Amino acid sequence: MSAVPAPHPKRTALAAAAIALGMLALAYASVPLYRLFCQVTGFGGTTQRFEERAAPSAEAVARGAGHSVTVRFDSNTAPGMAWQFKPAQLSQTIALGGRNMAFYTAHNPMPSVTHGTATFNVTPASMGKYFIKIDCFCFREQTLAAGQTVQMPVLYYLDPAIMDDPDARRVEEVTLSYTFYPMEPAPSQTAAVRPTTQPQG
């Protein structure tokens, strides 16, 4: 019986890369799937949710005293999303452990009601586990009436546990980025439009 030839290493690597890229493209194509993908893999600097981690102790906050990090805010819209979307502030310089609030502004220039949902990521990706999102507007359907403008808050803090990480504690700047995608309204949604002005998880 003749031996089965071993697969060529380069061909195997290319196939694996193609599969990985295909999975990534699929994740980006579906916002709910993207959310699950990020939560499972930690891809893209997925942040921690507040209920998954207790608030930092007074000792932890004291340990991070005097250490500040600049958080920069970035905004994007996916193809097909007509909204004008931008951060209300370009950056905030914050202390570790303290609660902070930032705002994004969304405007619907269309002559009709439109709907969207946002994904987010943190860079450097290694900072995702220290960026604690208490409340925000991501992964929820947002509805804007024709010509409507709303402010969308983000409540967050940076975990003082950064000081225990030799690499993370050297980071001086973190970027929080949101991307809004167009979406179809839920079948049960009524014609009434309720502006989204309150933070949502």
N, C-alpha and C. Protein backbone atom coordinates (compact mmCIF):
# COMPACT_ATOMS: atom_id res chain seq x y z
N MET A 1 0.86 -1.20 0.00
CA MET A 1 0.00 0.00 0.00
C MET A 1 0.89 1.24 0.00
N SER A 2 0.61 2.13 -0.92
CA SER A 2 1.45 3.33 -1.02
C SER A 2 1.12 4.30 0.10
N ALA A 3 2.14 5.02 0.57
CA ALA A 3 1.95 5.98 1.67
C ALA A 3 1.17 7.20 1.18
N VAL A 4 0.31 7.71 2.04
CA VAL A 4 -0.44 8.92 1.71
C VAL A 4 0.49 10.11 1.87
N PRO A 5 0.63 10.95 0.84
CA PRO A 5 1.54 12.08 0.94
C PRO A 5 1.09 13.06 2.02
N ALA A 6 2.05 13.57 2.76
CA ALA A 6 1.75 14.54 3.82
C ALA A 6 1.31 15.86 3.20
N PRO A 7 0.37 16.55 3.82
CA PRO A 7 -0.07 17.84 3.28
C PRO A 7 1.05 18.86 3.30
N HIS A 8 1.09 19.68 2.27
CA HIS A 8 2.13 20.69 2.16
C HIS A 8 1.92 21.73 3.26
N PRO A 9 2.96 22.06 4.06
CA PRO A 9 2.81 23.00 5.18
C PRO A 9 2.25 24.35 4.75
N LYS A 10 2.72 24.88 3.60
CA LYS A 10 2.27 26.18 3.15
C LYS A 10 0.79 26.14 2.78
N ARG A 11 0.38 25.03 2.12
CA ARG A 11 -1.02 24.90 1.72
C ARG A 11 -1.93 24.80 2.95
N THR A 12 -1.46 24.07 3.96
CA THR A 12 -2.24 23.94 5.20
C THR A 12 -2.39 25.28 5.90
N ALA A 13 -1.31 26.05 5.93
CA ALA A 13 -1.36 27.36 6.59
C ALA A 13 -2.31 28.30 5.87
N LEU A 14 -2.28 28.25 4.53
CA LEU A 14 -3.18 29.11 3.76
C LEU A 14 -4.64 28.73 3.99
N ALA A 15 -4.91 27.43 4.07
CA ALA A 15 -6.28 26.97 4.30
C ALA A 15 -6.76 27.41 5.67
N ALA A 16 -5.90 27.30 6.68
CA ALA A 16 -6.27 27.72 8.03
C ALA A 16 -6.54 29.21 8.08
N ALA A 17 -5.70 29.97 7.37
CA ALA A 17 -5.89 31.42 7.35
C ALA A 17 -7.20 31.78 6.67
N ALA A 18 -7.53 31.08 5.59
CA ALA A 18 -8.77 31.35 4.87
C ALA A 18 -9.99 31.06 5.75
N ILE A 19 -9.92 29.96 6.51
CA ILE A 19 -11.02 29.62 7.41
C ILE A 19 -11.18 30.68 8.50
N ALA A 20 -10.05 31.12 9.06
CA ALA A 20 -10.10 32.13 10.12
C ALA A 20 -10.68 33.44 9.60
N LEU A 21 -10.26 33.85 8.39
CA LEU A 21 -10.78 35.09 7.82
C LEU A 21 -12.26 34.98 7.51
N GLY A 22 -12.67 33.80 7.05
CA GLY A 22 -14.08 33.59 6.77
C GLY A 22 -14.93 33.68 8.01
N MET A 23 -14.44 33.10 9.11
CA MET A 23 -15.16 33.17 10.38
C MET A 23 -15.25 34.61 10.88
N LEU A 24 -14.15 35.36 10.71
CA LEU A 24 -14.14 36.74 11.15
C LEU A 24 -15.12 37.57 10.33
N ALA A 25 -15.14 37.35 9.02
CA ALA A 25 -16.07 38.09 8.16
C ALA A 25 -17.51 37.78 8.53
N LEU A 26 -17.78 36.52 8.85
CA LEU A 26 -19.14 36.13 9.24
C LEU A 26 -19.52 36.79 10.55
N ALA A 27 -18.57 36.88 11.47
CA ALA A 27 -18.86 37.51 12.75
C ALA A 27 -19.21 38.98 12.57
N TYR A 28 -18.46 39.67 11.71
CA TYR A 28 -18.74 41.08 11.47
C TYR A 28 -20.05 41.27 10.73
N ALA A 29 -20.44 40.30 9.92
CA ALA A 29 -21.64 40.45 9.10
C ALA A 29 -22.91 40.41 9.95
N SER A 30 -22.86 39.79 11.09
CA SER A 30 -24.03 39.68 11.94
C SER A 30 -23.70 40.25 13.31
N VAL A 31 -24.36 41.34 13.68
CA VAL A 31 -24.04 42.00 14.95
C VAL A 31 -24.24 41.07 16.14
N PRO A 32 -25.36 40.32 16.24
CA PRO A 32 -25.50 39.41 17.38
C PRO A 32 -24.39 38.36 17.42
N LEU A 33 -24.02 37.84 16.24
CA LEU A 33 -22.95 36.85 16.19
C LEU A 33 -21.62 37.48 16.56
N TYR A 34 -21.41 38.73 16.14
CA TYR A 34 -20.20 39.45 16.50
C TYR A 34 -20.09 39.59 18.02
N ARG A 35 -21.24 39.91 18.65
CA ARG A 35 -21.23 40.06 20.10
C ARG A 35 -20.81 38.75 20.77
N LEU A 36 -21.41 37.65 20.33
CA LEU A 36 -21.08 36.35 20.91
C LEU A 36 -19.63 35.99 20.65
N PHE A 37 -19.16 36.25 19.43
CA PHE A 37 -17.78 35.97 19.05
C PHE A 37 -16.81 36.70 19.98
N CYS A 38 -17.09 37.99 20.23
CA CYS A 38 -16.21 38.77 21.09
C CYS A 38 -16.22 38.27 22.53
N GLN A 39 -17.42 37.94 23.03
CA GLN A 39 -17.52 37.50 24.41
C GLN A 39 -16.80 36.18 24.64
N VAL A 40 -16.82 35.30 23.63
CA VAL A 40 -16.19 33.99 23.77
C VAL A 40 -14.69 34.08 23.60
N THR A 41 -14.23 34.92 22.63
CA THR A 41 -12.81 34.94 22.28
C THR A 41 -12.05 36.10 22.88
N GLY A 42 -12.77 37.17 23.30
CA GLY A 42 -12.08 38.36 23.75
C GLY A 42 -11.52 39.18 22.61
N PHE A 43 -11.96 38.87 21.37
CA PHE A 43 -11.44 39.56 20.20
C PHE A 43 -11.72 41.05 20.27
N GLY A 44 -10.76 41.84 19.80
CA GLY A 44 -10.98 43.27 19.64
C GLY A 44 -11.08 44.06 20.92
N GLY A 45 -10.52 43.55 22.00
CA GLY A 45 -10.57 44.31 23.24
C GLY A 45 -11.95 44.39 23.83
N THR A 46 -12.67 43.26 23.83
CA THR A 46 -14.01 43.24 24.41
C THR A 46 -13.93 43.61 25.88
N THR A 47 -14.75 44.57 26.30
CA THR A 47 -14.70 45.02 27.68
C THR A 47 -15.44 44.06 28.59
N GLN A 48 -15.22 44.23 29.88
CA GLN A 48 -15.96 43.48 30.89
C GLN A 48 -17.22 44.24 31.26
N ARG A 49 -18.30 43.51 31.59
CA ARG A 49 -19.51 44.18 32.07
C ARG A 49 -19.43 44.31 33.59
N PHE A 50 -20.06 45.36 34.12
CA PHE A 50 -19.97 45.69 35.53
C PHE A 50 -20.46 44.55 36.41
N GLU A 51 -21.58 43.88 36.01
CA GLU A 51 -22.12 42.83 36.88
C GLU A 51 -21.23 41.60 36.92
N GLU A 52 -20.27 41.50 35.98
CA GLU A 52 -19.37 40.35 35.97
C GLU A 52 -18.18 40.55 36.90
N ARG A 53 -18.02 41.76 37.39
CA ARG A 53 -16.88 42.05 38.25
C ARG A 53 -17.31 43.04 39.32
N ALA A 54 -16.92 42.76 40.56
CA ALA A 54 -17.29 43.65 41.66
C ALA A 54 -16.57 44.99 41.51
N ALA A 55 -17.18 46.04 42.07
CA ALA A 55 -16.55 47.35 42.05
C ALA A 55 -15.21 47.27 42.77
N PRO A 56 -14.21 48.05 42.35
CA PRO A 56 -12.90 47.99 42.98
C PRO A 56 -12.96 48.42 44.44
N SER A 57 -12.17 47.78 45.28
CA SER A 57 -12.14 48.12 46.69
C SER A 57 -11.41 49.45 46.90
N ALA A 58 -11.57 50.00 48.08
CA ALA A 58 -10.89 51.25 48.41
C ALA A 58 -9.38 51.06 48.35
N GLU A 59 -8.93 49.87 48.77
CA GLU A 59 -7.49 49.59 48.73
C GLU A 59 -6.96 49.57 47.30
N ALA A 60 -7.76 48.98 46.41
CA ALA A 60 -7.34 48.91 45.01
C ALA A 60 -7.28 50.30 44.39
N VAL A 61 -8.29 51.12 44.71
CA VAL A 61 -8.31 52.48 44.18
C VAL A 61 -7.11 53.26 44.72
N ALA A 62 -6.80 53.08 46.00
CA ALA A 62 -5.66 53.77 46.60
C ALA A 62 -4.35 53.35 45.94
N ARG A 63 -4.26 52.06 45.57
CA ARG A 63 -3.05 51.56 44.93
C ARG A 63 -2.84 52.21 43.55
N GLY A 64 -3.94 52.56 42.90
CA GLY A 64 -3.83 53.20 41.59
C GLY A 64 -3.81 54.71 41.64
N ALA A 65 -3.83 55.28 42.85
CA ALA A 65 -3.84 56.74 42.99
C ALA A 65 -2.61 57.35 42.32
N GLY A 66 -2.82 58.42 41.63
CA GLY A 66 -1.72 59.10 40.96
C GLY A 66 -1.45 58.59 39.56
N HIS A 67 -2.12 57.50 39.18
CA HIS A 67 -1.93 56.94 37.84
C HIS A 67 -3.15 57.27 36.99
N SER A 68 -2.95 57.97 35.90
CA SER A 68 -4.06 58.35 35.04
C SER A 68 -3.86 57.79 33.63
N VAL A 69 -4.97 57.62 32.93
CA VAL A 69 -4.96 57.10 31.56
C VAL A 69 -5.87 57.99 30.72
N THR A 70 -5.44 58.30 29.52
CA THR A 70 -6.26 59.07 28.60
C THR A 70 -7.12 58.12 27.76
N VAL A 71 -8.42 58.32 27.80
CA VAL A 71 -9.36 57.52 27.00
C VAL A 71 -9.78 58.37 25.80
N ARG A 72 -9.52 57.89 24.61
CA ARG A 72 -9.94 58.58 23.40
C ARG A 72 -11.18 57.90 22.84
N PHE A 73 -12.05 58.68 22.23
CA PHE A 73 -13.33 58.18 21.75
C PHE A 73 -13.38 58.26 20.23
N ASP A 74 -13.79 57.16 19.62
CA ASP A 74 -13.82 57.05 18.17
C ASP A 74 -15.21 56.60 17.74
N SER A 75 -15.64 57.02 16.55
CA SER A 75 -16.96 56.64 16.06
C SER A 75 -16.88 56.28 14.58
N ASN A 76 -17.71 55.31 14.18
CA ASN A 76 -17.77 54.86 12.79
C ASN A 76 -19.20 54.46 12.46
N THR A 77 -19.52 54.48 11.18
CA THR A 77 -20.79 53.95 10.70
C THR A 77 -20.52 52.96 9.58
N ALA A 78 -21.25 51.85 9.60
CA ALA A 78 -21.08 50.82 8.58
C ALA A 78 -21.75 51.26 7.28
N PRO A 79 -21.36 50.66 6.15
CA PRO A 79 -22.02 50.96 4.88
C PRO A 79 -23.54 50.78 4.99
N GLY A 80 -24.27 51.72 4.46
CA GLY A 80 -25.72 51.64 4.51
C GLY A 80 -26.33 52.34 5.71
N MET A 81 -25.49 52.77 6.65
CA MET A 81 -25.99 53.48 7.84
C MET A 81 -25.91 54.98 7.58
N ALA A 82 -27.07 55.64 7.54
CA ALA A 82 -27.12 57.05 7.15
C ALA A 82 -26.89 58.00 8.32
N TRP A 83 -26.88 57.49 9.53
CA TRP A 83 -26.78 58.37 10.69
C TRP A 83 -25.45 59.12 10.71
N GLN A 84 -25.48 60.31 11.28
CA GLN A 84 -24.27 61.05 11.62
C GLN A 84 -23.98 60.75 13.08
N PHE A 85 -22.83 60.16 13.32
CA PHE A 85 -22.54 59.61 14.64
C PHE A 85 -21.14 60.04 15.06
N LYS A 86 -21.02 60.66 16.23
CA LYS A 86 -19.71 61.15 16.66
C LYS A 86 -19.67 61.27 18.18
N PRO A 87 -18.47 61.24 18.76
CA PRO A 87 -18.35 61.43 20.21
C PRO A 87 -18.53 62.91 20.56
N ALA A 88 -19.15 63.17 21.70
CA ALA A 88 -19.33 64.55 22.16
C ALA A 88 -18.03 65.13 22.69
N GLN A 89 -17.09 64.27 23.07
CA GLN A 89 -15.78 64.69 23.54
C GLN A 89 -14.73 63.81 22.86
N LEU A 90 -13.58 64.38 22.57
CA LEU A 90 -12.54 63.61 21.88
C LEU A 90 -11.79 62.71 22.85
N SER A 91 -11.65 63.14 24.10
CA SER A 91 -10.89 62.34 25.06
C SER A 91 -11.23 62.75 26.49
N GLN A 92 -10.88 61.87 27.42
CA GLN A 92 -10.97 62.15 28.85
C GLN A 92 -9.73 61.56 29.51
N THR A 93 -9.12 62.31 30.40
CA THR A 93 -8.01 61.78 31.18
C THR A 93 -8.57 61.43 32.56
N ILE A 94 -8.49 60.15 32.91
CA ILE A 94 -9.21 59.67 34.09
C ILE A 94 -8.28 58.97 35.07
N ALA A 95 -8.72 58.93 36.32
CA ALA A 95 -8.01 58.19 37.36
C ALA A 95 -8.54 56.76 37.40
N LEU A 96 -7.73 55.84 37.85
CA LEU A 96 -8.14 54.43 37.93
C LEU A 96 -9.20 54.26 39.01
N GLY A 97 -10.22 53.45 38.69
CA GLY A 97 -11.24 53.11 39.68
C GLY A 97 -12.39 54.07 39.77
N GLY A 98 -12.25 55.28 39.24
CA GLY A 98 -13.32 56.26 39.34
C GLY A 98 -14.33 56.12 38.20
N ARG A 99 -15.62 56.33 38.52
CA ARG A 99 -16.65 56.24 37.49
C ARG A 99 -16.61 57.48 36.60
N ASN A 100 -16.77 57.25 35.31
CA ASN A 100 -16.71 58.33 34.34
C ASN A 100 -17.87 58.20 33.36
N MET A 101 -18.31 59.33 32.83
CA MET A 101 -19.39 59.31 31.83
C MET A 101 -18.95 60.07 30.60
N ALA A 102 -19.18 59.46 29.44
CA ALA A 102 -18.91 60.10 28.16
C ALA A 102 -20.19 60.03 27.33
N PHE A 103 -20.27 60.85 26.29
CA PHE A 103 -21.47 60.88 25.45
C PHE A 103 -21.10 60.78 23.98
N TYR A 104 -21.96 60.08 23.24
CA TYR A 104 -21.90 60.07 21.79
C TYR A 104 -23.19 60.70 21.27
N THR A 105 -23.10 61.38 20.14
CA THR A 105 -24.27 62.02 19.53
C THR A 105 -24.61 61.31 18.22
N ALA A 106 -25.89 61.00 18.05
CA ALA A 106 -26.37 60.37 16.82
C ALA A 106 -27.47 61.23 16.23
N HIS A 107 -27.41 61.45 14.92
CA HIS A 107 -28.41 62.26 14.23
C HIS A 107 -28.90 61.49 13.00
N ASN A 108 -30.21 61.46 12.84
CA ASN A 108 -30.81 60.80 11.68
C ASN A 108 -31.22 61.87 10.65
N PRO A 109 -30.47 62.03 9.55
CA PRO A 109 -30.80 63.06 8.56
C PRO A 109 -31.86 62.60 7.56
N MET A 110 -32.32 61.36 7.69
CA MET A 110 -33.27 60.81 6.73
C MET A 110 -34.68 61.36 6.99
N PRO A 111 -35.55 61.34 5.97
CA PRO A 111 -36.92 61.84 6.12
C PRO A 111 -37.87 60.81 6.74
N SER A 112 -37.33 59.74 7.29
CA SER A 112 -38.17 58.69 7.89
C SER A 112 -37.45 58.09 9.09
N VAL A 113 -38.22 57.34 9.87
CA VAL A 113 -37.66 56.63 11.03
C VAL A 113 -36.61 55.62 10.57
N THR A 114 -35.48 55.55 11.26
CA THR A 114 -34.47 54.54 10.95
C THR A 114 -33.99 53.88 12.25
N HIS A 115 -33.39 52.72 12.11
CA HIS A 115 -33.00 51.92 13.26
C HIS A 115 -31.53 51.49 13.11
N GLY A 116 -30.85 51.39 14.23
CA GLY A 116 -29.46 50.96 14.19
C GLY A 116 -29.06 50.26 15.47
N THR A 117 -27.90 49.63 15.42
CA THR A 117 -27.32 49.01 16.62
C THR A 117 -25.81 49.14 16.53
N ALA A 118 -25.17 49.24 17.68
CA ALA A 118 -23.74 49.52 17.71
C ALA A 118 -22.94 48.37 18.31
N THR A 119 -21.74 48.18 17.77
CA THR A 119 -20.75 47.31 18.39
C THR A 119 -19.62 48.20 18.89
N PHE A 120 -18.72 47.65 19.66
CA PHE A 120 -17.63 48.46 20.20
C PHE A 120 -16.36 47.62 20.32
N ASN A 121 -15.24 48.29 20.47
CA ASN A 121 -14.01 47.61 20.83
C ASN A 121 -13.07 48.59 21.53
N VAL A 122 -12.10 48.04 22.22
CA VAL A 122 -11.11 48.82 22.95
C VAL A 122 -9.73 48.47 22.42
N THR A 123 -8.91 49.47 22.18
CA THR A 123 -7.52 49.24 21.81
C THR A 123 -6.62 50.06 22.75
N PRO A 124 -5.46 49.50 23.10
CA PRO A 124 -4.96 48.16 22.77
C PRO A 124 -5.89 47.07 23.31
N ALA A 125 -5.96 45.95 22.59
CA ALA A 125 -6.87 44.87 22.96
C ALA A 125 -6.60 44.35 24.36
N SER A 126 -5.36 44.41 24.80
CA SER A 126 -5.00 43.91 26.13
C SER A 126 -5.67 44.70 27.25
N MET A 127 -6.18 45.90 26.92
CA MET A 127 -6.82 46.73 27.95
C MET A 127 -8.30 46.41 28.10
N GLY A 128 -8.85 45.57 27.21
CA GLY A 128 -10.27 45.27 27.25
C GLY A 128 -10.73 44.73 28.60
N LYS A 129 -9.94 43.88 29.21
CA LYS A 129 -10.36 43.27 30.48
C LYS A 129 -10.31 44.24 31.65
N TYR A 130 -9.65 45.39 31.46
CA TYR A 130 -9.59 46.39 32.53
C TYR A 130 -10.56 47.54 32.29
N PHE A 131 -11.17 47.58 31.11
CA PHE A 131 -12.12 48.63 30.78
C PHE A 131 -13.51 48.12 31.15
N ILE A 132 -14.05 48.58 32.26
CA ILE A 132 -15.31 48.06 32.78
C ILE A 132 -16.46 48.96 32.34
N LYS A 133 -17.35 48.40 31.55
CA LYS A 133 -18.49 49.15 31.02
C LYS A 133 -19.68 48.94 31.95
N ILE A 134 -20.06 49.96 32.69
CA ILE A 134 -21.18 49.87 33.61
C ILE A 134 -22.49 49.94 32.86
N ASP A 135 -22.59 50.85 31.90
CA ASP A 135 -23.80 50.99 31.11
C ASP A 135 -23.47 51.69 29.81
N CYS A 136 -24.13 51.27 28.71
CA CYS A 136 -23.93 51.94 27.43
C CYS A 136 -25.06 51.58 26.49
N PHE A 137 -24.97 52.06 25.27
CA PHE A 137 -26.04 51.90 24.28
C PHE A 137 -25.78 50.77 23.29
N CYS A 138 -24.71 50.03 23.47
CA CYS A 138 -24.32 49.04 22.45
C CYS A 138 -25.20 47.79 22.47
N PHE A 139 -25.26 47.13 21.32
CA PHE A 139 -25.95 45.86 21.13
C PHE A 139 -27.46 45.93 21.38
N ARG A 140 -28.03 47.12 21.39
CA ARG A 140 -29.46 47.29 21.54
C ARG A 140 -29.99 48.08 20.35
N GLU A 141 -31.19 47.77 19.93
CA GLU A 141 -31.78 48.52 18.83
C GLU A 141 -32.02 49.97 19.25
N GLN A 142 -31.53 50.90 18.45
CA GLN A 142 -31.74 52.32 18.69
C GLN A 142 -32.63 52.85 17.57
N THR A 143 -33.63 53.64 17.91
CA THR A 143 -34.59 54.15 16.94
C THR A 143 -34.59 55.66 16.95
N LEU A 144 -34.39 56.26 15.77
CA LEU A 144 -34.42 57.72 15.64
C LEU A 144 -35.47 58.13 14.62
N ALA A 145 -36.25 59.12 14.99
CA ALA A 145 -37.25 59.67 14.06
C ALA A 145 -36.54 60.52 13.01
N ALA A 146 -37.26 60.89 11.98
CA ALA A 146 -36.70 61.74 10.92
C ALA A 146 -36.17 63.04 11.52
N GLY A 147 -34.89 63.33 11.27
CA GLY A 147 -34.28 64.56 11.75
C GLY A 147 -33.94 64.59 13.22
N GLN A 148 -34.13 63.48 13.92
CA GLN A 148 -33.91 63.46 15.37
C GLN A 148 -32.42 63.35 15.72
N THR A 149 -32.04 64.03 16.80
CA THR A 149 -30.69 63.95 17.35
C THR A 149 -30.78 63.54 18.81
N VAL A 150 -29.97 62.57 19.23
CA VAL A 150 -29.96 62.15 20.63
C VAL A 150 -28.53 62.04 21.13
N GLN A 151 -28.39 62.14 22.44
CA GLN A 151 -27.10 61.91 23.09
C GLN A 151 -27.16 60.55 23.79
N MET A 152 -26.13 59.75 23.55
CA MET A 152 -26.09 58.39 24.09
C MET A 152 -24.92 58.29 25.09
N PRO A 153 -25.24 58.05 26.37
CA PRO A 153 -24.19 58.02 27.39
C PRO A 153 -23.49 56.67 27.51
N VAL A 154 -22.24 56.75 27.96
CA VAL A 154 -21.44 55.57 28.29
C VAL A 154 -20.89 55.79 29.69
N LEU A 155 -21.19 54.87 30.60
CA LEU A 155 -20.70 54.95 31.98
C LEU A 155 -19.67 53.85 32.17
N TYR A 156 -18.48 54.19 32.62
CA TYR A 156 -17.39 53.21 32.66
C TYR A 156 -16.35 53.56 33.71
N TYR A 157 -15.44 52.61 33.98
CA TYR A 157 -14.24 52.91 34.77
C TYR A 157 -13.11 51.98 34.34
N LEU A 158 -11.91 52.35 34.69
CA LEU A 158 -10.74 51.51 34.43
C LEU A 158 -10.33 50.83 35.73
N ASP A 159 -10.23 49.51 35.69
CA ASP A 159 -9.93 48.72 36.88
C ASP A 159 -8.52 49.00 37.39
N PRO A 160 -8.37 49.33 38.68
CA PRO A 160 -7.03 49.55 39.24
C PRO A 160 -6.13 48.32 39.17
N ALA A 161 -6.72 47.14 38.85
CA ALA A 161 -5.91 45.94 38.70
C ALA A 161 -4.87 46.10 37.59
N ILE A 162 -5.03 47.13 36.79
CA ILE A 162 -4.00 47.46 35.79
C ILE A 162 -2.63 47.55 36.44
N MET A 163 -2.58 48.04 37.66
CA MET A 163 -1.29 48.24 38.34
C MET A 163 -0.59 46.93 38.64
N ASP A 164 -1.33 45.81 38.61
CA ASP A 164 -0.72 44.51 38.86
C ASP A 164 -0.24 43.84 37.58
N ASP A 165 -0.49 44.48 36.45
CA ASP A 165 -0.11 43.94 35.15
C ASP A 165 1.08 44.74 34.62
N PRO A 166 2.26 44.14 34.54
CA PRO A 166 3.47 44.88 34.13
C PRO A 166 3.34 45.54 32.76
N ASP A 167 2.57 44.93 31.86
CA ASP A 167 2.40 45.51 30.53
C ASP A 167 1.32 46.58 30.51
N ALA A 168 0.17 46.27 31.11
CA ALA A 168 -0.96 47.20 31.07
C ALA A 168 -0.66 48.50 31.80
N ARG A 169 0.08 48.44 32.88
CA ARG A 169 0.30 49.67 33.65
C ARG A 169 1.19 50.67 32.92
N ARG A 170 1.81 50.23 31.83
CA ARG A 170 2.62 51.15 31.02
C ARG A 170 1.78 51.84 29.95
N VAL A 171 0.55 51.40 29.76
CA VAL A 171 -0.32 51.99 28.74
C VAL A 171 -0.81 53.36 29.22
N GLU A 172 -0.63 54.36 28.40
CA GLU A 172 -1.03 55.72 28.76
C GLU A 172 -2.28 56.19 28.02
N GLU A 173 -2.66 55.47 26.96
CA GLU A 173 -3.79 55.89 26.15
C GLU A 173 -4.60 54.69 25.69
N VAL A 174 -5.92 54.78 25.83
CA VAL A 174 -6.84 53.73 25.42
C VAL A 174 -7.87 54.35 24.49
N THR A 175 -8.28 53.63 23.45
CA THR A 175 -9.30 54.12 22.54
C THR A 175 -10.55 53.26 22.64
N LEU A 176 -11.68 53.91 22.89
CA LEU A 176 -12.98 53.25 22.88
C LEU A 176 -13.67 53.62 21.57
N SER A 177 -13.97 52.61 20.77
CA SER A 177 -14.52 52.86 19.44
C SER A 177 -15.87 52.16 19.28
N TYR A 178 -16.85 52.88 18.73
CA TYR A 178 -18.16 52.32 18.43
C TYR A 178 -18.42 52.39 16.92
N THR A 179 -19.09 51.36 16.41
CA THR A 179 -19.53 51.36 15.02
C THR A 179 -21.03 51.07 14.99
N PHE A 180 -21.79 51.95 14.33
CA PHE A 180 -23.23 51.76 14.19
C PHE A 180 -23.55 51.08 12.87
N TYR A 181 -24.45 50.09 12.95
CA TYR A 181 -24.91 49.34 11.78
C TYR A 181 -26.40 49.57 11.58
N PRO A 182 -26.86 49.61 10.32
CA PRO A 182 -28.30 49.71 10.09
C PRO A 182 -28.97 48.39 10.45
N MET A 183 -30.22 48.45 10.85
CA MET A 183 -30.94 47.22 11.14
C MET A 183 -32.42 47.40 10.86
N GLU A 184 -33.07 46.30 10.60
CA GLU A 184 -34.51 46.32 10.39
C GLU A 184 -35.20 46.32 11.76
N PRO A 185 -36.31 47.05 11.89
CA PRO A 185 -37.02 47.06 13.17
C PRO A 185 -37.61 45.70 13.48
N ALA A 186 -37.77 45.42 14.77
CA ALA A 186 -38.39 44.17 15.18
C ALA A 186 -39.83 44.11 14.69
N PRO A 187 -40.32 42.92 14.29
CA PRO A 187 -41.69 42.80 13.77
C PRO A 187 -42.75 43.33 14.72
N SER A 188 -42.49 43.24 16.03
CA SER A 188 -43.49 43.66 17.02
C SER A 188 -43.47 45.15 17.28
N GLN A 189 -42.51 45.85 16.67
CA GLN A 189 -42.39 47.28 16.96
C GLN A 189 -43.58 48.05 16.40
N THR A 190 -44.10 48.96 17.17
CA THR A 190 -45.23 49.77 16.72
C THR A 190 -44.72 50.99 15.97
N ALA A 191 -45.67 51.77 15.43
CA ALA A 191 -45.29 52.95 14.67
C ALA A 191 -44.77 54.04 15.56
N ALA A 192 -45.09 53.99 16.85
CA ALA A 192 -44.63 55.04 17.76
C ALA A 192 -43.13 54.95 17.94
N VAL A 193 -42.48 56.09 17.99
CA VAL A 193 -41.03 56.15 18.15
C VAL A 193 -40.71 56.70 19.52
N ARG A 194 -39.93 55.95 20.26
CA ARG A 194 -39.50 56.41 21.57
C ARG A 194 -38.03 56.74 21.48
N PRO A 195 -37.62 58.01 21.60
CA PRO A 195 -36.22 58.39 21.48
C PRO A 195 -35.37 57.66 22.51
N THR A 196 -34.20 57.25 22.10
CA THR A 196 -33.27 56.57 23.00
C THR A 196 -32.36 57.62 23.61
N THR A 197 -32.64 58.03 24.84
CA THR A 197 -31.85 59.06 25.50
C THR A 197 -31.28 58.57 26.81
N GLN A 198 -31.66 57.37 27.21
CA GLN A 198 -31.18 56.82 28.47
C GLN A 198 -30.16 55.72 28.20
N PRO A 199 -29.17 55.51 29.08
CA PRO A 199 -28.19 54.45 28.88
C PRO A 199 -28.85 53.09 28.89
N GLN A 200 -28.37 52.22 28.03
CA GLN A 200 -28.86 50.85 27.97
C GLN A 200 -27.66 49.92 27.98
N GLY A 201 -27.87 48.69 28.45
CA GLY A 201 -26.78 47.74 28.55
C GLY A 201 -26.39 47.18 27.23
